[in-house]
Protein backbone atom coordinates (compact mmCIF):
# COMPACT_ATOMS: atom_id res chain seq x y z
CA UNK A 1 0.00 0.00 0.00
CA UNK A 2 1.52 3.37 -0.97
CA UNK A 3 2.09 5.91 1.77
CA UNK A 4 -0.57 8.66 1.88
CA UNK A 5 0.74 12.04 0.76
CA UNK A 6 -2.32 14.11 -0.11
CA UNK A 7 -4.57 15.56 2.57
CA UNK A 8 -7.55 13.52 1.45
CA UNK A 9 -5.51 10.30 1.59
CA UNK A 10 -4.27 11.11 5.11
CA UNK A 11 -7.82 11.96 6.15
CA UNK A 12 -9.16 8.72 4.69
CA UNK A 13 -6.52 6.72 6.61
CA UNK A 14 -7.40 8.48 9.89
CA UNK A 15 -11.14 7.92 9.38
CA UNK A 16 -10.47 4.25 8.64
CA UNK A 17 -8.36 3.90 11.82
CA UNK A 18 -11.05 5.59 13.96
CA UNK A 19 -13.66 3.24 12.52
CA UNK A 20 -11.51 0.18 13.24
CA UNK A 21 -11.01 1.36 16.83
CA UNK A 22 -14.77 2.03 17.15
CA UNK A 23 -14.15 5.61 18.24
CA UNK A 24 -17.13 7.91 17.69
CA UNK A 25 -16.19 10.37 14.97
CA UNK A 26 -17.43 12.27 11.95
CA UNK A 27 -16.07 14.31 9.08
CA UNK A 28 -16.84 18.00 9.52
CA UNK A 29 -17.21 20.22 6.47
CA UNK A 30 -16.90 23.99 6.42
CA UNK A 31 -17.06 26.17 3.36
CA UNK A 32 -19.32 27.88 0.92
CA UNK A 33 -21.12 27.19 -2.31
CA UNK A 34 -23.40 28.92 -4.73
CA UNK A 35 -26.35 27.58 -6.65
CA UNK A 36 -28.85 28.93 -9.12
CA UNK A 37 -28.25 31.37 -11.96
CA UNK A 38 -28.82 35.03 -12.67
CA UNK A 39 -30.80 37.01 -10.10
CA UNK A 40 -31.83 33.78 -8.36
CA UNK A 41 -28.21 32.80 -7.68
CA UNK A 42 -27.59 32.25 -3.96
CA UNK A 43 -24.36 32.05 -1.99
CA UNK A 44 -24.44 29.89 1.15
CA UNK A 45 -21.80 29.45 3.86
CA UNK A 46 -21.89 26.35 6.06
CA UNK A 47 -20.06 25.21 9.16
CA UNK A 48 -18.11 27.19 11.73
CA UNK A 49 -14.91 28.79 10.37
CA UNK A 50 -11.84 26.97 11.67
CA UNK A 51 -13.62 23.70 12.55
CA UNK A 52 -11.19 20.79 12.17
CA UNK A 53 -11.61 18.19 9.42
CA UNK A 54 -12.46 15.38 11.83
CA UNK A 55 -14.34 15.50 15.12
CA UNK A 56 -14.01 12.57 17.53
CA UNK A 57 -14.93 11.82 21.13
CA UNK A 58 -12.24 10.09 23.12
CA UNK A 59 -13.39 8.15 26.16
CA UNK A 60 -11.19 8.38 29.22
CA UNK A 61 -12.22 7.12 32.65
CA UNK A 62 -15.86 7.08 31.56
CA UNK A 63 -15.80 10.69 30.40
CA UNK A 64 -15.92 11.84 26.78
CA UNK A 65 -13.37 14.36 25.55
CA UNK A 66 -13.74 16.39 22.35
CA UNK A 67 -10.90 15.75 19.91
CA UNK A 68 -10.44 17.87 16.80
CA UNK A 69 -8.14 16.61 14.05
CA UNK A 70 -7.04 19.04 11.35
CA UNK A 71 -5.38 17.30 8.41
CA UNK A 72 -2.63 19.15 6.55
CA UNK A 73 -0.29 18.25 3.75
CA UNK A 74 3.47 18.24 4.28
CA UNK A 75 3.83 22.04 4.26
CA UNK A 76 0.25 23.06 5.13
CA UNK A 77 -0.24 25.68 7.83
CA UNK A 78 -3.25 26.42 10.04
CA UNK A 79 -5.33 29.41 9.03
CA UNK A 80 -6.01 32.11 11.62
CA UNK A 81 -9.56 30.74 12.05
CA UNK A 82 -8.13 27.24 12.66
CA UNK A 83 -5.62 28.59 15.17
CA UNK A 84 -8.39 30.42 17.04
CA UNK A 85 -10.64 27.35 17.01
CA UNK A 86 -7.83 25.16 18.36
CA UNK A 87 -7.27 27.62 21.24
CA UNK A 88 -10.99 27.54 22.07
CA UNK A 89 -10.97 23.72 22.09
CA UNK A 90 -7.87 23.53 24.31
CA UNK A 91 -9.22 26.19 26.69
CA UNK A 92 -12.41 24.12 27.08
CA UNK A 93 -10.45 20.97 27.98
CA UNK A 94 -10.56 19.30 24.58
CA UNK A 95 -7.71 18.02 22.46
CA UNK A 96 -6.67 19.39 19.06
CA UNK A 97 -4.31 17.58 16.72
CA UNK A 98 -2.72 18.59 13.44
CA UNK A 99 -2.16 15.43 11.42
CA UNK A 100 0.20 15.28 8.48
CA UNK A 101 2.23 12.62 6.74
CA UNK A 102 5.87 13.47 7.06
CA UNK A 103 8.52 11.52 5.25
CA UNK A 104 11.78 11.26 7.17
C-alpha atoms as a PDB file:
ATOM      1  CA  UNK A   1       0.000   0.000   0.000  1.00  0.00           C
ATOM      2  CA  UNK A   2       1.515   3.366  -0.972  1.00  0.00           C
ATOM      3  CA  UNK A   3       2.086   5.907   1.767  1.00  0.00           C
ATOM      4  CA  UNK A   4      -0.565   8.660   1.877  1.00  0.00           C
ATOM      5  CA  UNK A   5       0.735  12.040   0.761  1.00  0.00           C
ATOM      6  CA  UNK A   6      -2.317  14.108  -0.109  1.00  0.00           C
ATOM      7  CA  UNK A   7      -4.565  15.563   2.572  1.00  0.00           C
ATOM      8  CA  UNK A   8      -7.552  13.524   1.455  1.00  0.00           C
ATOM      9  CA  UNK A   9      -5.505  10.301   1.592  1.00  0.00           C
ATOM     10  CA  UNK A  10      -4.271  11.109   5.107  1.00  0.00           C
ATOM     11  CA  UNK A  11      -7.821  11.964   6.150  1.00  0.00           C
ATOM     12  CA  UNK A  12      -9.159   8.720   4.693  1.00  0.00           C
ATOM     13  CA  UNK A  13      -6.523   6.719   6.614  1.00  0.00           C
ATOM     14  CA  UNK A  14      -7.403   8.479   9.888  1.00  0.00           C
ATOM     15  CA  UNK A  15     -11.142   7.924   9.382  1.00  0.00           C
ATOM     16  CA  UNK A  16     -10.471   4.252   8.637  1.00  0.00           C
ATOM     17  CA  UNK A  17      -8.365   3.898  11.823  1.00  0.00           C
ATOM     18  CA  UNK A  18     -11.049   5.587  13.962  1.00  0.00           C
ATOM     19  CA  UNK A  19     -13.661   3.238  12.519  1.00  0.00           C
ATOM     20  CA  UNK A  20     -11.506   0.178  13.237  1.00  0.00           C
ATOM     21  CA  UNK A  21     -11.014   1.362  16.826  1.00  0.00           C
ATOM     22  CA  UNK A  22     -14.770   2.030  17.155  1.00  0.00           C
ATOM     23  CA  UNK A  23     -14.155   5.613  18.238  1.00  0.00           C
ATOM     24  CA  UNK A  24     -17.125   7.905  17.687  1.00  0.00           C
ATOM     25  CA  UNK A  25     -16.189  10.369  14.967  1.00  0.00           C
ATOM     26  CA  UNK A  26     -17.434  12.271  11.954  1.00  0.00           C
ATOM     27  CA  UNK A  27     -16.067  14.314   9.079  1.00  0.00           C
ATOM     28  CA  UNK A  28     -16.837  18.005   9.516  1.00  0.00           C
ATOM     29  CA  UNK A  29     -17.210  20.223   6.468  1.00  0.00           C
ATOM     30  CA  UNK A  30     -16.899  23.989   6.423  1.00  0.00           C
ATOM     31  CA  UNK A  31     -17.055  26.169   3.362  1.00  0.00           C
ATOM     32  CA  UNK A  32     -19.321  27.878   0.921  1.00  0.00           C
ATOM     33  CA  UNK A  33     -21.122  27.187  -2.307  1.00  0.00           C
ATOM     34  CA  UNK A  34     -23.399  28.921  -4.729  1.00  0.00           C
ATOM     35  CA  UNK A  35     -26.353  27.585  -6.647  1.00  0.00           C
ATOM     36  CA  UNK A  36     -28.849  28.930  -9.118  1.00  0.00           C
ATOM     37  CA  UNK A  37     -28.251  31.374 -11.957  1.00  0.00           C
ATOM     38  CA  UNK A  38     -28.820  35.035 -12.671  1.00  0.00           C
ATOM     39  CA  UNK A  39     -30.803  37.013 -10.103  1.00  0.00           C
ATOM     40  CA  UNK A  40     -31.827  33.783  -8.360  1.00  0.00           C
ATOM     41  CA  UNK A  41     -28.213  32.800  -7.682  1.00  0.00           C
ATOM     42  CA  UNK A  42     -27.588  32.247  -3.962  1.00  0.00           C
ATOM     43  CA  UNK A  43     -24.360  32.047  -1.993  1.00  0.00           C
ATOM     44  CA  UNK A  44     -24.441  29.894   1.145  1.00  0.00           C
ATOM     45  CA  UNK A  45     -21.803  29.448   3.857  1.00  0.00           C
ATOM     46  CA  UNK A  46     -21.891  26.355   6.055  1.00  0.00           C
ATOM     47  CA  UNK A  47     -20.056  25.208   9.160  1.00  0.00           C
ATOM     48  CA  UNK A  48     -18.109  27.189  11.726  1.00  0.00           C
ATOM     49  CA  UNK A  49     -14.907  28.794  10.373  1.00  0.00           C
ATOM     50  CA  UNK A  50     -11.845  26.968  11.665  1.00  0.00           C
ATOM     51  CA  UNK A  51     -13.620  23.704  12.549  1.00  0.00           C
ATOM     52  CA  UNK A  52     -11.190  20.789  12.169  1.00  0.00           C
ATOM     53  CA  UNK A  53     -11.608  18.192   9.418  1.00  0.00           C
ATOM     54  CA  UNK A  54     -12.463  15.383  11.829  1.00  0.00           C
ATOM     55  CA  UNK A  55     -14.338  15.504  15.125  1.00  0.00           C
ATOM     56  CA  UNK A  56     -14.013  12.573  17.532  1.00  0.00           C
ATOM     57  CA  UNK A  57     -14.932  11.824  21.126  1.00  0.00           C
ATOM     58  CA  UNK A  58     -12.245  10.090  23.125  1.00  0.00           C
ATOM     59  CA  UNK A  59     -13.389   8.154  26.156  1.00  0.00           C
ATOM     60  CA  UNK A  60     -11.188   8.383  29.218  1.00  0.00           C
ATOM     61  CA  UNK A  61     -12.220   7.120  32.654  1.00  0.00           C
ATOM     62  CA  UNK A  62     -15.860   7.079  31.561  1.00  0.00           C
ATOM     63  CA  UNK A  63     -15.805  10.694  30.404  1.00  0.00           C
ATOM     64  CA  UNK A  64     -15.918  11.844  26.785  1.00  0.00           C
ATOM     65  CA  UNK A  65     -13.370  14.362  25.552  1.00  0.00           C
ATOM     66  CA  UNK A  66     -13.736  16.389  22.351  1.00  0.00           C
ATOM     67  CA  UNK A  67     -10.904  15.753  19.906  1.00  0.00           C
ATOM     68  CA  UNK A  68     -10.439  17.874  16.801  1.00  0.00           C
ATOM     69  CA  UNK A  69      -8.144  16.611  14.046  1.00  0.00           C
ATOM     70  CA  UNK A  70      -7.039  19.041  11.351  1.00  0.00           C
ATOM     71  CA  UNK A  71      -5.381  17.300   8.407  1.00  0.00           C
ATOM     72  CA  UNK A  72      -2.632  19.150   6.546  1.00  0.00           C
ATOM     73  CA  UNK A  73      -0.289  18.250   3.750  1.00  0.00           C
ATOM     74  CA  UNK A  74       3.466  18.239   4.282  1.00  0.00           C
ATOM     75  CA  UNK A  75       3.829  22.039   4.263  1.00  0.00           C
ATOM     76  CA  UNK A  76       0.250  23.063   5.134  1.00  0.00           C
ATOM     77  CA  UNK A  77      -0.244  25.681   7.834  1.00  0.00           C
ATOM     78  CA  UNK A  78      -3.247  26.418  10.039  1.00  0.00           C
ATOM     79  CA  UNK A  79      -5.330  29.409   9.030  1.00  0.00           C
ATOM     80  CA  UNK A  80      -6.008  32.108  11.617  1.00  0.00           C
ATOM     81  CA  UNK A  81      -9.559  30.737  12.051  1.00  0.00           C
ATOM     82  CA  UNK A  82      -8.134  27.242  12.665  1.00  0.00           C
ATOM     83  CA  UNK A  83      -5.621  28.591  15.175  1.00  0.00           C
ATOM     84  CA  UNK A  84      -8.392  30.419  17.037  1.00  0.00           C
ATOM     85  CA  UNK A  85     -10.636  27.353  17.014  1.00  0.00           C
ATOM     86  CA  UNK A  86      -7.827  25.157  18.362  1.00  0.00           C
ATOM     87  CA  UNK A  87      -7.273  27.618  21.243  1.00  0.00           C
ATOM     88  CA  UNK A  88     -10.989  27.540  22.075  1.00  0.00           C
ATOM     89  CA  UNK A  89     -10.969  23.717  22.094  1.00  0.00           C
ATOM     90  CA  UNK A  90      -7.869  23.533  24.310  1.00  0.00           C
ATOM     91  CA  UNK A  91      -9.222  26.190  26.691  1.00  0.00           C
ATOM     92  CA  UNK A  92     -12.409  24.121  27.082  1.00  0.00           C
ATOM     93  CA  UNK A  93     -10.449  20.969  27.984  1.00  0.00           C
ATOM     94  CA  UNK A  94     -10.559  19.300  24.585  1.00  0.00           C
ATOM     95  CA  UNK A  95      -7.709  18.018  22.457  1.00  0.00           C
ATOM     96  CA  UNK A  96      -6.666  19.387  19.064  1.00  0.00           C
ATOM     97  CA  UNK A  97      -4.311  17.580  16.716  1.00  0.00           C
ATOM     98  CA  UNK A  98      -2.723  18.592  13.441  1.00  0.00           C
ATOM     99  CA  UNK A  99      -2.159  15.435  11.416  1.00  0.00           C
ATOM    100  CA  UNK A 100       0.204  15.277   8.479  1.00  0.00           C
ATOM    101  CA  UNK A 101       2.226  12.621   6.743  1.00  0.00           C
ATOM    102  CA  UNK A 102       5.870  13.467   7.058  1.00  0.00           C
ATOM    103  CA  UNK A 103       8.515  11.522   5.245  1.00  0.00           C
ATOM    104  CA  UNK A 104      11.780  11.258   7.166  1.00  0.00           C
END
